[in-house]
Amino acid sequence: MKAKELRLMSDAEMEGKLTELRKELMKANSQIAIGTVPKSPGKVREAKKTIAKIMTIRREKILSKEATKRNE
């Protein structure tokens, strides 16, 4: 997912997507740990990147809210 798409999501939608991606990543990591190849190895990397994007955008939103409170 692109960061632009993630920024348009509400907090609840972003939280749901984050949970979904973490479950997907956990499944893939468990498959790797037992020695089987995941169905699509590229999804692991993509999931990690999307999780990082979501976490970053959430942090940006928190910081911007704090900044507006300080300026008032």
PDB file of N, CA and C in Angstrom:
ATOM      1  N   MET A   1       0.828  -1.186   0.000  1.00  0.00           N
ATOM      2  CA  MET A   1       0.000   0.000   0.000  1.00  0.00           C
ATOM      3  C   MET A   1       0.870   1.245   0.000  1.00  0.00           C
ATOM      4  N   LYS A   2       0.378   2.239  -0.643  1.00  0.00           N
ATOM      5  CA  LYS A   2       1.111   3.492  -0.694  1.00  0.00           C
ATOM      6  C   LYS A   2       0.781   4.334   0.533  1.00  0.00           C
ATOM      7  N   ALA A   3       1.728   5.168   0.916  1.00  0.00           N
ATOM      8  CA  ALA A   3       1.551   6.020   2.086  1.00  0.00           C
ATOM      9  C   ALA A   3       0.372   6.973   1.896  1.00  0.00           C
ATOM     10  N   LYS A   4       0.168   7.399   0.676  1.00  0.00           N
ATOM     11  CA  LYS A   4      -0.937   8.311   0.381  1.00  0.00           C
ATOM     12  C   LYS A   4      -2.275   7.653   0.712  1.00  0.00           C
ATOM     13  N   GLU A   5      -2.420   6.382   0.346  1.00  0.00           N
ATOM     14  CA  GLU A   5      -3.641   5.637   0.642  1.00  0.00           C
ATOM     15  C   GLU A   5      -3.818   5.459   2.151  1.00  0.00           C
ATOM     16  N   LEU A   6      -2.714   5.207   2.846  1.00  0.00           N
ATOM     17  CA  LEU A   6      -2.780   4.995   4.287  1.00  0.00           C
ATOM     18  C   LEU A   6      -3.165   6.271   5.025  1.00  0.00           C
ATOM     19  N   ARG A   7      -2.703   7.409   4.538  1.00  0.00           N
ATOM     20  CA  ARG A   7      -3.021   8.680   5.186  1.00  0.00           C
ATOM     21  C   ARG A   7      -4.510   9.009   5.089  1.00  0.00           C
ATOM     22  N   LEU A   8      -5.172   8.496   4.067  1.00  0.00           N
ATOM     23  CA  LEU A   8      -6.600   8.740   3.886  1.00  0.00           C
ATOM     24  C   LEU A   8      -7.459   7.856   4.792  1.00  0.00           C
ATOM     25  N   MET A   9      -6.875   6.821   5.367  1.00  0.00           N
ATOM     26  CA  MET A   9      -7.609   5.903   6.234  1.00  0.00           C
ATOM     27  C   MET A   9      -7.869   6.536   7.600  1.00  0.00           C
ATOM     28  N   SER A  10      -8.947   6.100   8.232  1.00  0.00           N
ATOM     29  CA  SER A  10      -9.214   6.542   9.603  1.00  0.00           C
ATOM     30  C   SER A  10      -8.321   5.738  10.554  1.00  0.00           C
ATOM     31  N   ASP A  11      -8.295   6.163  11.805  1.00  0.00           N
ATOM     32  CA  ASP A  11      -7.466   5.466  12.791  1.00  0.00           C
ATOM     33  C   ASP A  11      -7.919   4.018  12.979  1.00  0.00           C
ATOM     34  N   ALA A  12      -9.224   3.802  12.989  1.00  0.00           N
ATOM     35  CA  ALA A  12      -9.755   2.448  13.173  1.00  0.00           C
ATOM     36  C   ALA A  12      -9.397   1.544  11.987  1.00  0.00           C
ATOM     37  N   GLU A  13      -9.509   2.080  10.785  1.00  0.00           N
ATOM     38  CA  GLU A  13      -9.156   1.301   9.594  1.00  0.00           C
ATOM     39  C   GLU A  13      -7.674   0.957   9.599  1.00  0.00           C
ATOM     40  N   MET A  14      -6.854   1.934   9.986  1.00  0.00           N
ATOM     41  CA  MET A  14      -5.420   1.706  10.030  1.00  0.00           C
ATOM     42  C   MET A  14      -5.064   0.642  11.072  1.00  0.00           C
ATOM     43  N   GLU A  15      -5.733   0.676  12.211  1.00  0.00           N
ATOM     44  CA  GLU A  15      -5.508  -0.309  13.265  1.00  0.00           C
ATOM     45  C   GLU A  15      -5.891  -1.702  12.782  1.00  0.00           C
ATOM     46  N   GLY A  16      -7.001  -1.813  12.073  1.00  0.00           N
ATOM     47  CA  GLY A  16      -7.424  -3.098  11.524  1.00  0.00           C
ATOM     48  C   GLY A  16      -6.440  -3.640  10.503  1.00  0.00           C
ATOM     49  N   LYS A  17      -5.963  -2.772   9.640  1.00  0.00           N
ATOM     50  CA  LYS A  17      -4.985  -3.172   8.625  1.00  0.00           C
ATOM     51  C   LYS A  17      -3.686  -3.618   9.283  1.00  0.00           C
ATOM     52  N   LEU A  18      -3.280  -2.915  10.334  1.00  0.00           N
ATOM     53  CA  LEU A  18      -2.055  -3.260  11.058  1.00  0.00           C
ATOM     54  C   LEU A  18      -2.181  -4.650  11.688  1.00  0.00           C
ATOM     55  N   THR A  19      -3.308  -4.927  12.302  1.00  0.00           N
ATOM     56  CA  THR A  19      -3.548  -6.235  12.910  1.00  0.00           C
ATOM     57  C   THR A  19      -3.525  -7.336  11.859  1.00  0.00           C
ATOM     58  N   GLU A  20      -4.177  -7.071  10.739  1.00  0.00           N
ATOM     59  CA  GLU A  20      -4.231  -8.045   9.640  1.00  0.00           C
ATOM     60  C   GLU A  20      -2.822  -8.350   9.120  1.00  0.00           C
ATOM     61  N   LEU A  21      -2.025  -7.318   8.918  1.00  0.00           N
ATOM     62  CA  LEU A  21      -0.665  -7.505   8.402  1.00  0.00           C
ATOM     63  C   LEU A  21       0.223  -8.246   9.396  1.00  0.00           C
ATOM     64  N   ARG A  22       0.061  -7.953  10.683  1.00  0.00           N
ATOM     65  CA  ARG A  22       0.863  -8.644  11.696  1.00  0.00           C
ATOM     66  C   ARG A  22       0.524 -10.130  11.741  1.00  0.00           C
ATOM     67  N   LYS A  23      -0.757 -10.483  11.585  1.00  0.00           N
ATOM     68  CA  LYS A  23      -1.156 -11.893  11.551  1.00  0.00           C
ATOM     69  C   LYS A  23      -0.551 -12.585  10.332  1.00  0.00           C
ATOM     70  N   GLU A  24      -0.622 -11.906   9.199  1.00  0.00           N
ATOM     71  CA  GLU A  24      -0.070 -12.452   7.948  1.00  0.00           C
ATOM     72  C   GLU A  24       1.428 -12.689   8.091  1.00  0.00           C
ATOM     73  N   LEU A  25       2.114 -11.731   8.690  1.00  0.00           N
ATOM     74  CA  LEU A  25       3.561 -11.833   8.883  1.00  0.00           C
ATOM     75  C   LEU A  25       3.905 -12.962   9.852  1.00  0.00           C
ATOM     76  N   MET A  26       3.097 -13.117  10.892  1.00  0.00           N
ATOM     77  CA  MET A  26       3.325 -14.182  11.856  1.00  0.00           C
ATOM     78  C   MET A  26       3.192 -15.553  11.191  1.00  0.00           C
ATOM     79  N   LYS A  27       2.190 -15.713  10.332  1.00  0.00           N
ATOM     80  CA  LYS A  27       2.001 -16.970   9.609  1.00  0.00           C
ATOM     81  C   LYS A  27       3.217 -17.267   8.730  1.00  0.00           C
ATOM     82  N   ALA A  28       3.657 -16.249   8.006  1.00  0.00           N
ATOM     83  CA  ALA A  28       4.801 -16.431   7.098  1.00  0.00           C
ATOM     84  C   ALA A  28       6.062 -16.771   7.891  1.00  0.00           C
ATOM     85  N   ASN A  29       6.269 -16.094   9.014  1.00  0.00           N
ATOM     86  CA  ASN A  29       7.456 -16.365   9.828  1.00  0.00           C
ATOM     87  C   ASN A  29       7.423 -17.766  10.425  1.00  0.00           C
ATOM     88  N   SER A  30       6.238 -18.237  10.793  1.00  0.00           N
ATOM     89  CA  SER A  30       6.149 -19.593  11.332  1.00  0.00           C
ATOM     90  C   SER A  30       6.429 -20.625  10.243  1.00  0.00           C
ATOM     91  N   GLN A  31       5.977 -20.348   9.022  1.00  0.00           N
ATOM     92  CA  GLN A  31       6.272 -21.255   7.906  1.00  0.00           C
ATOM     93  C   GLN A  31       7.772 -21.307   7.648  1.00  0.00           C
ATOM     94  N   ILE A  32       8.424 -20.161   7.724  1.00  0.00           N
ATOM     95  CA  ILE A  32       9.864 -20.104   7.501  1.00  0.00           C
ATOM     96  C   ILE A  32      10.597 -20.864   8.608  1.00  0.00           C
ATOM     97  N   ALA A  33      10.120 -20.722   9.850  1.00  0.00           N
ATOM     98  CA  ALA A  33      10.769 -21.364  10.996  1.00  0.00           C
ATOM     99  C   ALA A  33      10.715 -22.882  10.917  1.00  0.00           C
ATOM    100  N   ILE A  34       9.624 -23.433  10.391  1.00  0.00           N
ATOM    101  CA  ILE A  34       9.526 -24.892  10.313  1.00  0.00           C
ATOM    102  C   ILE A  34      10.150 -25.431   9.029  1.00  0.00           C
ATOM    103  N   GLY A  35      10.618 -24.548   8.176  1.00  0.00           N
ATOM    104  CA  GLY A  35      11.363 -24.983   7.011  1.00  0.00           C
ATOM    105  C   GLY A  35      10.600 -25.011   5.707  1.00  0.00           C
ATOM    106  N   THR A  36       9.359 -24.633   5.710  1.00  0.00           N
ATOM    107  CA  THR A  36       8.620 -24.595   4.451  1.00  0.00           C
ATOM    108  C   THR A  36       8.691 -23.191   3.863  1.00  0.00           C
ATOM    109  N   VAL A  37       8.552 -23.154   2.575  1.00  0.00           N
ATOM    110  CA  VAL A  37       8.600 -21.864   1.888  1.00  0.00           C
ATOM    111  C   VAL A  37       7.195 -21.273   1.871  1.00  0.00           C
ATOM    112  N   PRO A  38       7.051 -20.001   2.267  1.00  0.00           N
ATOM    113  CA  PRO A  38       5.720 -19.374   2.212  1.00  0.00           C
ATOM    114  C   PRO A  38       5.203 -19.330   0.777  1.00  0.00           C
ATOM    115  N   LYS A  39       3.883 -19.208   0.630  1.00  0.00           N
ATOM    116  CA  LYS A  39       3.278 -19.192  -0.701  1.00  0.00           C
ATOM    117  C   LYS A  39       3.874 -18.097  -1.569  1.00  0.00           C
ATOM    118  N   SER A  40       4.070 -16.932  -0.984  1.00  0.00           N
ATOM    119  CA  SER A  40       4.678 -15.834  -1.740  1.00  0.00           C
ATOM    120  C   SER A  40       5.690 -15.113  -0.839  1.00  0.00           C
ATOM    121  N   PRO A  41       6.970 -15.443  -0.998  1.00  0.00           N
ATOM    122  CA  PRO A  41       8.012 -14.862  -0.148  1.00  0.00           C
ATOM    123  C   PRO A  41       8.101 -13.334  -0.244  1.00  0.00           C
ATOM    124  N   GLY A  42       7.699 -12.762  -1.360  1.00  0.00           N
ATOM    125  CA  GLY A  42       7.743 -11.316  -1.512  1.00  0.00           C
ATOM    126  C   GLY A  42       6.752 -10.609  -0.607  1.00  0.00           C
ATOM    127  N   LYS A  43       5.709 -11.312  -0.198  1.00  0.00           N
ATOM    128  CA  LYS A  43       4.691 -10.735   0.686  1.00  0.00           C
ATOM    129  C   LYS A  43       5.269 -10.416   2.062  1.00  0.00           C
ATOM    130  N   VAL A  44       6.280 -11.172   2.490  1.00  0.00           N
ATOM    131  CA  VAL A  44       6.895 -10.943   3.800  1.00  0.00           C
ATOM    132  C   VAL A  44       7.519  -9.554   3.826  1.00  0.00           C
ATOM    133  N   ARG A  45       8.298  -9.277   2.831  1.00  0.00           N
ATOM    134  CA  ARG A  45       8.962  -7.976   2.745  1.00  0.00           C
ATOM    135  C   ARG A  45       7.935  -6.840   2.616  1.00  0.00           C
ATOM    136  N   GLU A  46       6.935  -7.050   1.793  1.00  0.00           N
ATOM    137  CA  GLU A  46       5.900  -6.049   1.584  1.00  0.00           C
ATOM    138  C   GLU A  46       5.123  -5.783   2.879  1.00  0.00           C
ATOM    139  N   ALA A  47       4.823  -6.848   3.621  1.00  0.00           N
ATOM    140  CA  ALA A  47       4.089  -6.701   4.882  1.00  0.00           C
ATOM    141  C   ALA A  47       4.909  -5.904   5.888  1.00  0.00           C
ATOM    142  N   LYS A  48       6.188  -6.204   5.969  1.00  0.00           N
ATOM    143  CA  LYS A  48       7.061  -5.469   6.892  1.00  0.00           C
ATOM    144  C   LYS A  48       7.108  -3.984   6.551  1.00  0.00           C
ATOM    145  N   LYS A  49       7.220  -3.685   5.280  1.00  0.00           N
ATOM    146  CA  LYS A  49       7.276  -2.289   4.852  1.00  0.00           C
ATOM    147  C   LYS A  49       5.964  -1.567   5.126  1.00  0.00           C
ATOM    148  N   THR A  50       4.846  -2.232   4.873  1.00  0.00           N
ATOM    149  CA  THR A  50       3.552  -1.607   5.102  1.00  0.00           C
ATOM    150  C   THR A  50       3.318  -1.377   6.591  1.00  0.00           C
ATOM    151  N   ILE A  51       3.738  -2.317   7.427  1.00  0.00           N
ATOM    152  CA  ILE A  51       3.632  -2.142   8.875  1.00  0.00           C
ATOM    153  C   ILE A  51       4.433  -0.916   9.304  1.00  0.00           C
ATOM    154  N   ALA A  52       5.637  -0.783   8.776  1.00  0.00           N
ATOM    155  CA  ALA A  52       6.476   0.371   9.113  1.00  0.00           C
ATOM    156  C   ALA A  52       5.825   1.682   8.655  1.00  0.00           C
ATOM    157  N   LYS A  53       5.215   1.671   7.485  1.00  0.00           N
ATOM    158  CA  LYS A  53       4.541   2.875   6.983  1.00  0.00           C
ATOM    159  C   LYS A  53       3.381   3.263   7.891  1.00  0.00           C
ATOM    160  N   ILE A  54       2.595   2.277   8.303  1.00  0.00           N
ATOM    161  CA  ILE A  54       1.454   2.552   9.177  1.00  0.00           C
ATOM    162  C   ILE A  54       1.929   3.122  10.507  1.00  0.00           C
ATOM    163  N   MET A  55       2.955   2.516  11.078  1.00  0.00           N
ATOM    164  CA  MET A  55       3.484   2.998  12.358  1.00  0.00           C
ATOM    165  C   MET A  55       4.000   4.432  12.227  1.00  0.00           C
ATOM    166  N   THR A  56       4.658   4.727  11.123  1.00  0.00           N
ATOM    167  CA  THR A  56       5.190   6.070  10.893  1.00  0.00           C
ATOM    168  C   THR A  56       4.070   7.085  10.755  1.00  0.00           C
ATOM    169  N   ILE A  57       3.052   6.758   9.994  1.00  0.00           N
ATOM    170  CA  ILE A  57       1.928   7.681   9.784  1.00  0.00           C
ATOM    171  C   ILE A  57       1.179   7.916  11.089  1.00  0.00           C
ATOM    172  N   ARG A  58       1.002   6.855  11.884  1.00  0.00           N
ATOM    173  CA  ARG A  58       0.349   7.022  13.197  1.00  0.00           C
ATOM    174  C   ARG A  58       1.157   7.972  14.066  1.00  0.00           C
ATOM    175  N   ARG A  59       2.466   7.829  14.047  1.00  0.00           N
ATOM    176  CA  ARG A  59       3.337   8.696  14.850  1.00  0.00           C
ATOM    177  C   ARG A  59       3.257  10.142  14.357  1.00  0.00           C
ATOM    178  N   GLU A  60       3.241  10.326  13.055  1.00  0.00           N
ATOM    179  CA  GLU A  60       3.128  11.678  12.491  1.00  0.00           C
ATOM    180  C   GLU A  60       1.829  12.344  12.947  1.00  0.00           C
ATOM    181  N   LYS A  61       0.729  11.580  12.946  1.00  0.00           N
ATOM    182  CA  LYS A  61      -0.558  12.130  13.365  1.00  0.00           C
ATOM    183  C   LYS A  61      -0.516  12.548  14.838  1.00  0.00           C
ATOM    184  N   ILE A  62       0.096  11.716  15.669  1.00  0.00           N
ATOM    185  CA  ILE A  62       0.196  12.031  17.097  1.00  0.00           C
ATOM    186  C   ILE A  62       1.015  13.303  17.298  1.00  0.00           C
ATOM    187  N   LEU A  63       2.133  13.390  16.605  1.00  0.00           N
ATOM    188  CA  LEU A  63       2.994  14.562  16.750  1.00  0.00           C
ATOM    189  C   LEU A  63       2.327  15.833  16.242  1.00  0.00           C
ATOM    190  N   SER A  64       1.561  15.725  15.168  1.00  0.00           N
ATOM    191  CA  SER A  64       0.888  16.912  14.644  1.00  0.00           C
ATOM    192  C   SER A  64      -0.211  17.384  15.593  1.00  0.00           C
ATOM    193  N   LYS A  65      -0.909  16.431  16.240  1.00  0.00           N
ATOM    194  CA  LYS A  65      -1.933  16.797  17.225  1.00  0.00           C
ATOM    195  C   LYS A  65      -1.293  17.503  18.416  1.00  0.00           C
ATOM    196  N   GLU A  66      -0.147  17.001  18.858  1.00  0.00           N
ATOM    197  CA  GLU A  66       0.547  17.623  19.984  1.00  0.00           C
ATOM    198  C   GLU A  66       1.032  19.021  19.621  1.00  0.00           C
ATOM    199  N   ALA A  67       1.500  19.171  18.400  1.00  0.00           N
ATOM    200  CA  ALA A  67       1.997  20.471  17.953  1.00  0.00           C
ATOM    201  C   ALA A  67       0.870  21.503  17.896  1.00  0.00           C
ATOM    202  N   THR A  68      -0.307  21.082  17.446  1.00  0.00           N
ATOM    203  CA  THR A  68      -1.428  22.025  17.376  1.00  0.00           C
ATOM    204  C   THR A  68      -1.902  22.403  18.778  1.00  0.00           C
ATOM    205  N   LYS A  69      -1.832  21.466  19.726  1.00  0.00           N
ATOM    206  CA  LYS A  69      -2.214  21.774  21.091  1.00  0.00           C
ATOM    207  C   LYS A  69      -1.257  22.790  21.713  1.00  0.00           C
ATOM    208  N   ARG A  70       0.042  22.635  21.418  1.00  0.00           N
ATOM    209  CA  ARG A  70       1.033  23.560  21.966  1.00  0.00           C
ATOM    210  C   ARG A  70       0.879  24.958  21.394  1.00  0.00           C
ATOM    211  N   ASN A  71       0.468  25.039  20.135  1.00  0.00           N
ATOM    212  CA  ASN A  71       0.350  26.330  19.477  1.00  0.00           C
ATOM    213  C   ASN A  71      -0.908  27.086  19.873  1.00  0.00           C
ATOM    214  N   GLU A  72      -1.856  26.409  20.476  1.00  0.00           N
ATOM    215  CA  GLU A  72      -3.112  27.082  20.851  1.00  0.00           C
ATOM    216  C   GLU A  72      -2.972  27.859  22.122  1.00  0.00           C
TER     217      GLU A  72
END
